[in-house]
């Protein structure tokens, strides 16, 4: 399970695809977090936790990582 900010979703999707995990699902929170207030971080954490519960509850067949030469 991973958490990504909106700014890096495209990069994370590309990296997952390159590593053989196309369609890897992760929670997404607003960007940036560096200047978020305590309340903003709490809300982002709650949103990420809710997304994580949903992602972990999905039943998908495990995708095997391709063998490396």
PDB file of N, CA and C in Angstrom:
ATOM      1  N   UNK A   1       0.844  -1.168   0.000  1.00  0.00           N
ATOM      2  CA  UNK A   1       0.000   0.000   0.000  1.00  0.00           C
ATOM      3  C   UNK A   1       0.885   1.225   0.000  1.00  0.00           C
ATOM      4  N   UNK A   2       0.564   2.166  -0.847  1.00  0.00           N
ATOM      5  CA  UNK A   2       1.338   3.405  -0.930  1.00  0.00           C
ATOM      6  C   UNK A   2       0.391   4.597  -0.907  1.00  0.00           C
ATOM      7  N   UNK A   3       0.937   5.731  -0.498  1.00  0.00           N
ATOM      8  CA  UNK A   3       0.203   6.993  -0.504  1.00  0.00           C
ATOM      9  C   UNK A   3       0.995   7.965  -1.363  1.00  0.00           C
ATOM     10  N   UNK A   4       0.326   8.638  -2.276  1.00  0.00           N
ATOM     11  CA  UNK A   4       0.973   9.552  -3.201  1.00  0.00           C
ATOM     12  C   UNK A   4       0.240  10.884  -3.175  1.00  0.00           C
ATOM     13  N   UNK A   5       0.972  11.977  -3.364  1.00  0.00           N
ATOM     14  CA  UNK A   5       0.285  13.261  -3.500  1.00  0.00           C
ATOM     15  C   UNK A   5      -0.113  13.444  -4.958  1.00  0.00           C
ATOM     16  N   UNK A   6      -1.099  14.301  -5.171  1.00  0.00           N
ATOM     17  CA  UNK A   6      -1.644  14.511  -6.518  1.00  0.00           C
ATOM     18  C   UNK A   6      -0.564  14.890  -7.527  1.00  0.00           C
ATOM     19  N   UNK A   7       0.420  15.602  -7.099  1.00  0.00           N
ATOM     20  CA  UNK A   7       1.495  16.054  -7.990  1.00  0.00           C
ATOM     21  C   UNK A   7       2.291  14.890  -8.579  1.00  0.00           C
ATOM     22  N   UNK A   8       2.363  13.779  -7.876  1.00  0.00           N
ATOM     23  CA  UNK A   8       3.223  12.678  -8.292  1.00  0.00           C
ATOM     24  C   UNK A   8       2.473  11.431  -8.766  1.00  0.00           C
ATOM     25  N   UNK A   9       1.181  11.545  -8.991  1.00  0.00           N
ATOM     26  CA  UNK A   9       0.385  10.392  -9.433  1.00  0.00           C
ATOM     27  C   UNK A   9       0.884   9.857 -10.767  1.00  0.00           C
ATOM     28  N   UNK A  10       1.088  10.737 -11.741  1.00  0.00           N
ATOM     29  CA  UNK A  10       1.536  10.283 -13.058  1.00  0.00           C
ATOM     30  C   UNK A  10       2.883   9.578 -12.969  1.00  0.00           C
ATOM     31  N   UNK A  11       3.810  10.136 -12.203  1.00  0.00           N
ATOM     32  CA  UNK A  11       5.126   9.511 -12.042  1.00  0.00           C
ATOM     33  C   UNK A  11       5.002   8.155 -11.352  1.00  0.00           C
ATOM     34  N   UNK A  12       4.150   8.056 -10.352  1.00  0.00           N
ATOM     35  CA  UNK A  12       3.971   6.792  -9.637  1.00  0.00           C
ATOM     36  C   UNK A  12       3.353   5.735 -10.551  1.00  0.00           C
ATOM     37  N   UNK A  13       2.387   6.137 -11.364  1.00  0.00           N
ATOM     38  CA  UNK A  13       1.776   5.188 -12.307  1.00  0.00           C
ATOM     39  C   UNK A  13       2.801   4.700 -13.322  1.00  0.00           C
ATOM     40  N   UNK A  14       3.634   5.606 -13.820  1.00  0.00           N
ATOM     41  CA  UNK A  14       4.671   5.222 -14.773  1.00  0.00           C
ATOM     42  C   UNK A  14       5.674   4.270 -14.129  1.00  0.00           C
ATOM     43  N   UNK A  15       6.120   4.589 -12.939  1.00  0.00           N
ATOM     44  CA  UNK A  15       7.090   3.735 -12.248  1.00  0.00           C
ATOM     45  C   UNK A  15       6.502   2.341 -11.997  1.00  0.00           C
ATOM     46  N   UNK A  16       5.245   2.293 -11.586  1.00  0.00           N
ATOM     47  CA  UNK A  16       4.602   0.995 -11.366  1.00  0.00           C
ATOM     48  C   UNK A  16       4.560   0.193 -12.667  1.00  0.00           C
ATOM     49  N   UNK A  17       4.210   0.863 -13.765  1.00  0.00           N
ATOM     50  CA  UNK A  17       4.143   0.187 -15.058  1.00  0.00           C
ATOM     51  C   UNK A  17       5.524  -0.329 -15.474  1.00  0.00           C
ATOM     52  N   UNK A  18       6.563   0.491 -15.323  1.00  0.00           N
ATOM     53  CA  UNK A  18       7.927   0.097 -15.688  1.00  0.00           C
ATOM     54  C   UNK A  18       8.388  -1.100 -14.869  1.00  0.00           C
ATOM     55  N   UNK A  19       7.977  -1.147 -13.610  1.00  0.00           N
ATOM     56  CA  UNK A  19       8.390  -2.241 -12.735  1.00  0.00           C
ATOM     57  C   UNK A  19       7.507  -3.482 -12.862  1.00  0.00           C
ATOM     58  N   UNK A  20       6.535  -3.436 -13.794  1.00  0.00           N
ATOM     59  CA  UNK A  20       5.698  -4.600 -14.046  1.00  0.00           C
ATOM     60  C   UNK A  20       4.445  -4.669 -13.204  1.00  0.00           C
ATOM     61  N   UNK A  21       4.051  -3.557 -12.620  1.00  0.00           N
ATOM     62  CA  UNK A  21       2.852  -3.527 -11.784  1.00  0.00           C
ATOM     63  C   UNK A  21       1.844  -2.515 -12.318  1.00  0.00           C
ATOM     64  N   UNK A  22       1.577  -2.566 -13.607  1.00  0.00           N
ATOM     65  CA  UNK A  22       0.604  -1.653 -14.208  1.00  0.00           C
ATOM     66  C   UNK A  22      -0.724  -1.771 -13.469  1.00  0.00           C
ATOM     67  N   UNK A  23      -1.329  -0.639 -13.188  1.00  0.00           N
ATOM     68  CA  UNK A  23      -2.601  -0.644 -12.487  1.00  0.00           C
ATOM     69  C   UNK A  23      -2.474  -0.707 -10.981  1.00  0.00           C
ATOM     70  N   UNK A  24      -1.235  -0.619 -10.456  1.00  0.00           N
ATOM     71  CA  UNK A  24      -1.037  -0.641  -9.012  1.00  0.00           C
ATOM     72  C   UNK A  24      -1.821   0.512  -8.396  1.00  0.00           C
ATOM     73  N   UNK A  25      -2.646   0.193  -7.444  1.00  0.00           N
ATOM     74  CA  UNK A  25      -3.504   1.204  -6.829  1.00  0.00           C
ATOM     75  C   UNK A  25      -2.856   1.764  -5.575  1.00  0.00           C
ATOM     76  N   UNK A  26      -3.009   3.057  -5.363  1.00  0.00           N
ATOM     77  CA  UNK A  26      -2.478   3.709  -4.171  1.00  0.00           C
ATOM     78  C   UNK A  26      -3.413   4.827  -3.762  1.00  0.00           C
ATOM     79  N   UNK A  27      -3.318   5.209  -2.519  1.00  0.00           N
ATOM     80  CA  UNK A  27      -4.132   6.315  -2.012  1.00  0.00           C
ATOM     81  C   UNK A  27      -3.518   7.623  -2.497  1.00  0.00           C
ATOM     82  N   UNK A  28      -4.368   8.612  -2.734  1.00  0.00           N
ATOM     83  CA  UNK A  28      -3.912   9.908  -3.228  1.00  0.00           C
ATOM     84  C   UNK A  28      -4.397  11.003  -2.284  1.00  0.00           C
ATOM     85  N   UNK A  29      -3.446  11.856  -1.887  1.00  0.00           N
ATOM     86  CA  UNK A  29      -3.782  12.991  -1.032  1.00  0.00           C
ATOM     87  C   UNK A  29      -3.357  14.272  -1.732  1.00  0.00           C
ATOM     88  N   UNK A  30      -3.888  15.420  -1.290  1.00  0.00           N
ATOM     89  CA  UNK A  30      -3.542  16.687  -1.940  1.00  0.00           C
ATOM     90  C   UNK A  30      -2.057  17.030  -1.803  1.00  0.00           C
ATOM     91  N   UNK A  31      -1.570  17.736  -2.790  1.00  0.00           N
ATOM     92  CA  UNK A  31      -0.194  18.237  -2.798  1.00  0.00           C
ATOM     93  C   UNK A  31      -0.251  19.747  -2.640  1.00  0.00           C
ATOM     94  N   UNK A  32       0.645  20.350  -1.934  1.00  0.00           N
ATOM     95  CA  UNK A  32       1.752  19.789  -1.172  1.00  0.00           C
ATOM     96  C   UNK A  32       1.332  19.488   0.263  1.00  0.00           C
ATOM     97  N   UNK A  33       2.158  18.725   0.934  1.00  0.00           N
ATOM     98  CA  UNK A  33       1.914  18.469   2.356  1.00  0.00           C
ATOM     99  C   UNK A  33       2.896  19.230   3.244  1.00  0.00           C
ATOM    100  N   UNK A  34       3.944  19.752   2.635  1.00  0.00           N
ATOM    101  CA  UNK A  34       4.988  20.418   3.424  1.00  0.00           C
ATOM    102  C   UNK A  34       4.497  21.655   4.158  1.00  0.00           C
ATOM    103  N   UNK A  35       3.498  22.327   3.625  1.00  0.00           N
ATOM    104  CA  UNK A  35       2.995  23.523   4.297  1.00  0.00           C
ATOM    105  C   UNK A  35       1.586  23.326   4.855  1.00  0.00           C
ATOM    106  N   UNK A  36       1.163  22.085   4.962  1.00  0.00           N
ATOM    107  CA  UNK A  36      -0.177  21.802   5.493  1.00  0.00           C
ATOM    108  C   UNK A  36      -0.206  22.034   7.002  1.00  0.00           C
ATOM    109  N   UNK A  37      -1.349  22.464   7.459  1.00  0.00           N
ATOM    110  CA  UNK A  37      -1.538  22.633   8.898  1.00  0.00           C
ATOM    111  C   UNK A  37      -1.732  21.261   9.538  1.00  0.00           C
ATOM    112  N   UNK A  38      -1.705  21.232  10.860  1.00  0.00           N
ATOM    113  CA  UNK A  38      -1.978  19.971  11.556  1.00  0.00           C
ATOM    114  C   UNK A  38      -3.345  19.438  11.152  1.00  0.00           C
ATOM    115  N   UNK A  39      -4.321  20.322  11.062  1.00  0.00           N
ATOM    116  CA  UNK A  39      -5.676  19.914  10.668  1.00  0.00           C
ATOM    117  C   UNK A  39      -5.678  19.393   9.233  1.00  0.00           C
ATOM    118  N   UNK A  40      -4.958  20.058   8.347  1.00  0.00           N
ATOM    119  CA  UNK A  40      -4.878  19.606   6.961  1.00  0.00           C
ATOM    120  C   UNK A  40      -4.234  18.238   6.847  1.00  0.00           C
ATOM    121  N   UNK A  41      -3.185  18.014   7.619  1.00  0.00           N
ATOM    122  CA  UNK A  41      -2.539  16.698   7.622  1.00  0.00           C
ATOM    123  C   UNK A  41      -3.447  15.628   8.199  1.00  0.00           C
ATOM    124  N   UNK A  42      -4.187  15.984   9.242  1.00  0.00           N
ATOM    125  CA  UNK A  42      -5.126  15.023   9.827  1.00  0.00           C
ATOM    126  C   UNK A  42      -6.180  14.626   8.805  1.00  0.00           C
ATOM    127  N   UNK A  43      -6.714  15.610   8.089  1.00  0.00           N
ATOM    128  CA  UNK A  43      -7.729  15.321   7.076  1.00  0.00           C
ATOM    129  C   UNK A  43      -7.153  14.477   5.935  1.00  0.00           C
ATOM    130  N   UNK A  44      -5.931  14.786   5.521  1.00  0.00           N
ATOM    131  CA  UNK A  44      -5.288  14.002   4.468  1.00  0.00           C
ATOM    132  C   UNK A  44      -5.050  12.566   4.935  1.00  0.00           C
ATOM    133  N   UNK A  45      -4.622  12.401   6.181  1.00  0.00           N
ATOM    134  CA  UNK A  45      -4.394  11.066   6.728  1.00  0.00           C
ATOM    135  C   UNK A  45      -5.700  10.276   6.803  1.00  0.00           C
ATOM    136  N   UNK A  46      -6.771  10.938   7.213  1.00  0.00           N
ATOM    137  CA  UNK A  46      -8.067  10.258   7.264  1.00  0.00           C
ATOM    138  C   UNK A  46      -8.519   9.845   5.867  1.00  0.00           C
ATOM    139  N   UNK A  47      -8.309  10.727   4.889  1.00  0.00           N
ATOM    140  CA  UNK A  47      -8.684  10.402   3.506  1.00  0.00           C
ATOM    141  C   UNK A  47      -7.844   9.233   2.988  1.00  0.00           C
ATOM    142  N   UNK A  48      -6.538   9.257   3.263  1.00  0.00           N
ATOM    143  CA  UNK A  48      -5.665   8.167   2.824  1.00  0.00           C
ATOM    144  C   UNK A  48      -6.068   6.847   3.476  1.00  0.00           C
ATOM    145  N   UNK A  49      -6.411   6.893   4.762  1.00  0.00           N
ATOM    146  CA  UNK A  49      -6.822   5.670   5.459  1.00  0.00           C
ATOM    147  C   UNK A  49      -8.109   5.106   4.863  1.00  0.00           C
ATOM    148  N   UNK A  50      -9.044   5.989   4.548  1.00  0.00           N
ATOM    149  CA  UNK A  50     -10.298   5.536   3.945  1.00  0.00           C
ATOM    150  C   UNK A  50     -10.040   4.917   2.569  1.00  0.00           C
ATOM    151  N   UNK A  51      -9.181   5.553   1.780  1.00  0.00           N
ATOM    152  CA  UNK A  51      -8.844   4.993   0.471  1.00  0.00           C
ATOM    153  C   UNK A  51      -8.130   3.649   0.625  1.00  0.00           C
ATOM    154  N   UNK A  52      -7.234   3.571   1.589  1.00  0.00           N
ATOM    155  CA  UNK A  52      -6.497   2.329   1.819  1.00  0.00           C
ATOM    156  C   UNK A  52      -7.439   1.193   2.189  1.00  0.00           C
ATOM    157  N   UNK A  53      -8.396   1.479   3.053  1.00  0.00           N
ATOM    158  CA  UNK A  53      -9.380   0.437   3.412  1.00  0.00           C
ATOM    159  C   UNK A  53     -10.103  -0.054   2.168  1.00  0.00           C
ATOM    160  N   UNK A  54     -10.497   0.866   1.307  1.00  0.00           N
ATOM    161  CA  UNK A  54     -11.184   0.484   0.070  1.00  0.00           C
ATOM    162  C   UNK A  54     -10.297  -0.325  -0.852  1.00  0.00           C
ATOM    163  N   UNK A  55      -9.051   0.094  -0.988  1.00  0.00           N
ATOM    164  CA  UNK A  55      -8.125  -0.632  -1.863  1.00  0.00           C
ATOM    165  C   UNK A  55      -7.812  -2.016  -1.330  1.00  0.00           C
ATOM    166  N   UNK A  56      -7.609  -2.115  -0.037  1.00  0.00           N
ATOM    167  CA  UNK A  56      -7.273  -3.407   0.559  1.00  0.00           C
ATOM    168  C   UNK A  56      -8.455  -4.368   0.571  1.00  0.00           C
ATOM    169  N   UNK A  57      -9.659  -3.839   0.532  1.00  0.00           N
ATOM    170  CA  UNK A  57     -10.855  -4.684   0.539  1.00  0.00           C
ATOM    171  C   UNK A  57     -11.176  -5.243  -0.850  1.00  0.00           C
ATOM    172  N   UNK A  58     -10.585  -4.646  -1.881  1.00  0.00           N
ATOM    173  CA  UNK A  58     -10.836  -5.134  -3.241  1.00  0.00           C
ATOM    174  C   UNK A  58     -10.164  -6.468  -3.436  1.00  0.00           C
ATOM    175  N   UNK A  59     -10.855  -7.343  -4.111  1.00  0.00           N
ATOM    176  CA  UNK A  59     -10.274  -8.655  -4.394  1.00  0.00           C
ATOM    177  C   UNK A  59      -9.805  -8.677  -5.837  1.00  0.00           C
ATOM    178  N   UNK A  60      -8.499  -8.631  -6.002  1.00  0.00           N
ATOM    179  CA  UNK A  60      -7.901  -8.700  -7.329  1.00  0.00           C
ATOM    180  C   UNK A  60      -6.873  -9.815  -7.309  1.00  0.00           C
ATOM    181  N   UNK A  61      -6.727 -10.505  -8.416  1.00  0.00           N
ATOM    182  CA  UNK A  61      -5.682 -11.526  -8.457  1.00  0.00           C
ATOM    183  C   UNK A  61      -4.315 -10.863  -8.328  1.00  0.00           C
ATOM    184  N   UNK A  62      -3.418 -11.508  -7.623  1.00  0.00           N
ATOM    185  CA  UNK A  62      -2.066 -10.975  -7.439  1.00  0.00           C
ATOM    186  C   UNK A  62      -1.354 -10.947  -8.778  1.00  0.00           C
ATOM    187  N   UNK A  63      -0.699  -9.848  -9.049  1.00  0.00           N
ATOM    188  CA  UNK A  63       0.080  -9.725 -10.270  1.00  0.00           C
ATOM    189  C   UNK A  63       1.532 -10.030  -9.944  1.00  0.00           C
ATOM    190  N   UNK A  64       2.085 -10.981 -10.645  1.00  0.00           N
ATOM    191  CA  UNK A  64       3.464 -11.370 -10.355  1.00  0.00           C
ATOM    192  C   UNK A  64       4.423 -10.430 -11.032  1.00  0.00           C
ATOM    193  N   UNK A  65       5.498 -10.161 -10.353  1.00  0.00           N
ATOM    194  CA  UNK A  65       6.549  -9.312 -10.893  1.00  0.00           C
ATOM    195  C   UNK A  65       7.312 -10.121 -11.938  1.00  0.00           C
ATOM    196  N   UNK A  66       7.589  -9.526 -13.098  1.00  0.00           N
ATOM    197  CA  UNK A  66       8.308 -10.282 -14.132  1.00  0.00           C
ATOM    198  C   UNK A  66       9.730 -10.626 -13.674  1.00  0.00           C
ATOM    199  N   UNK A  67      10.211 -11.749 -14.149  1.00  0.00           N
ATOM    200  CA  UNK A  67      11.567 -12.187 -13.805  1.00  0.00           C
ATOM    201  C   UNK A  67      12.575 -11.253 -14.446  1.00  0.00           C
ATOM    202  N   UNK A  68      13.633 -10.975 -13.707  1.00  0.00           N
ATOM    203  CA  UNK A  68      14.713 -10.128 -14.244  1.00  0.00           C
ATOM    204  C   UNK A  68      15.834 -11.023 -14.743  1.00  0.00           C
ATOM    205  N   UNK A  69      16.454 -10.580 -15.797  1.00  0.00           N
ATOM    206  CA  UNK A  69      17.578 -11.337 -16.366  1.00  0.00           C
ATOM    207  C   UNK A  69      18.841 -11.052 -15.609  1.00  0.00           C
TER     208      UNK A  69
END
